[in-house]
Protein backbone atom coordinates (compact mmCIF):
# COMPACT_ATOMS: atom_id res chain seq x y z
CA MET A 1 -0.48 0.47 -0.07
CA ASN A 2 1.32 3.38 -0.74
CA TYR A 3 1.09 6.68 0.99
CA ARG A 4 -2.03 7.66 -1.46
CA ASP A 5 -4.06 4.84 -1.03
CA LEU A 6 -3.05 4.45 2.82
CA THR A 7 -4.02 8.23 3.42
CA ARG A 8 -7.31 8.02 1.33
CA LYS A 9 -9.08 5.10 3.66
CA LEU A 10 -6.80 7.59 7.16
CA THR A 11 -9.43 10.93 5.51
CA GLY A 12 -12.26 8.24 5.86
CA LEU A 13 -11.62 7.56 9.25
CA GLY A 14 -12.03 10.53 10.54
CA CYS A 15 -8.05 11.55 10.47
CA GLU A 16 -6.87 14.45 8.50
CA PHE A 17 -2.93 16.41 7.12
CA ARG A 18 -1.36 18.69 10.74
CA ARG A 19 1.68 19.54 9.41
CA HIS A 20 5.26 18.57 7.96
CA GLY A 21 7.65 16.72 9.46
CA LYS A 22 11.32 16.04 9.17
CA GLY A 23 12.33 15.12 5.74
CA SER A 24 9.24 13.01 3.69
CA HIS A 25 6.64 12.89 6.87
CA GLU A 26 4.17 14.41 7.39
CA ILE A 27 2.22 14.66 11.15
CA TRP A 28 -2.19 13.22 10.94
CA VAL A 29 -4.01 13.38 13.67
CA ASN A 30 -7.18 10.97 14.30
CA LEU A 31 -10.25 13.41 14.87
CA ASN A 32 -12.37 11.57 16.95
CA ASN A 33 -9.71 10.98 19.95
CA ARG A 34 -7.27 13.39 19.40
CA LYS A 35 -4.38 10.63 18.17
CA LYS A 36 -0.60 11.84 16.77
CA THR A 37 1.49 9.39 14.50
CA SER A 38 3.72 10.47 11.84
CA ILE A 39 3.67 8.76 7.96
CA PRO A 40 6.14 9.18 5.54
CA ASN A 41 5.37 10.49 2.49
CA TRP A 42 7.09 8.19 0.20
CA GLY A 43 4.53 8.86 -3.66
CA ARG A 44 4.38 5.58 -5.52
CA LYS A 45 7.09 2.93 -3.19
CA ASP A 46 5.16 1.08 -1.04
CA LEU A 47 4.86 1.20 2.81
CA LYS A 48 5.47 -2.01 4.39
CA MET A 49 2.62 -3.32 6.64
CA GLY A 50 4.33 -3.71 10.17
CA THR A 51 4.55 0.75 9.29
CA ILE A 52 1.14 0.44 8.54
CA ARG A 53 -0.02 -1.69 11.78
CA ALA A 54 2.50 1.01 13.63
CA ILE A 55 0.31 4.32 12.38
CA LEU A 56 -2.51 1.56 12.83
CA ARG A 57 -1.70 1.46 16.32
CA GLN A 58 -0.24 4.94 16.66
CA LEU A 59 -3.69 6.59 15.52
CA GLU A 60 -5.36 3.45 17.40
CA ILE A 61 -7.09 1.98 14.53
CA ASP A 62 -7.90 -1.28 14.42
CA LEU A 63 -6.81 -2.77 12.05
CA SER A 64 -9.67 -5.06 10.51
CA VAL A 65 -12.15 -1.57 10.28
CA PHE A 66 -8.72 0.23 8.63
CA GLU A 67 -9.62 -2.99 6.27
CA ASN A 68 -12.90 -2.61 5.86
CA ALA A 69 -12.30 1.41 5.07
CA LYS A 70 -13.23 3.10 1.33
């Protein structure tokens, strides 16, 4: 899954971009619970599943809910 697919699903689950971080990273926040995380913006390059799981864990989003999001 690349950055664009990940952020499209996160936006549908109530998350939004807040600001740019260091390097190619961006800070995103889950508006439902105010949890924040850093997401690497690598364009078309796929993110590793471990990175995606860590992002979801930090935002407190269940993996099954994320997989079913559009």
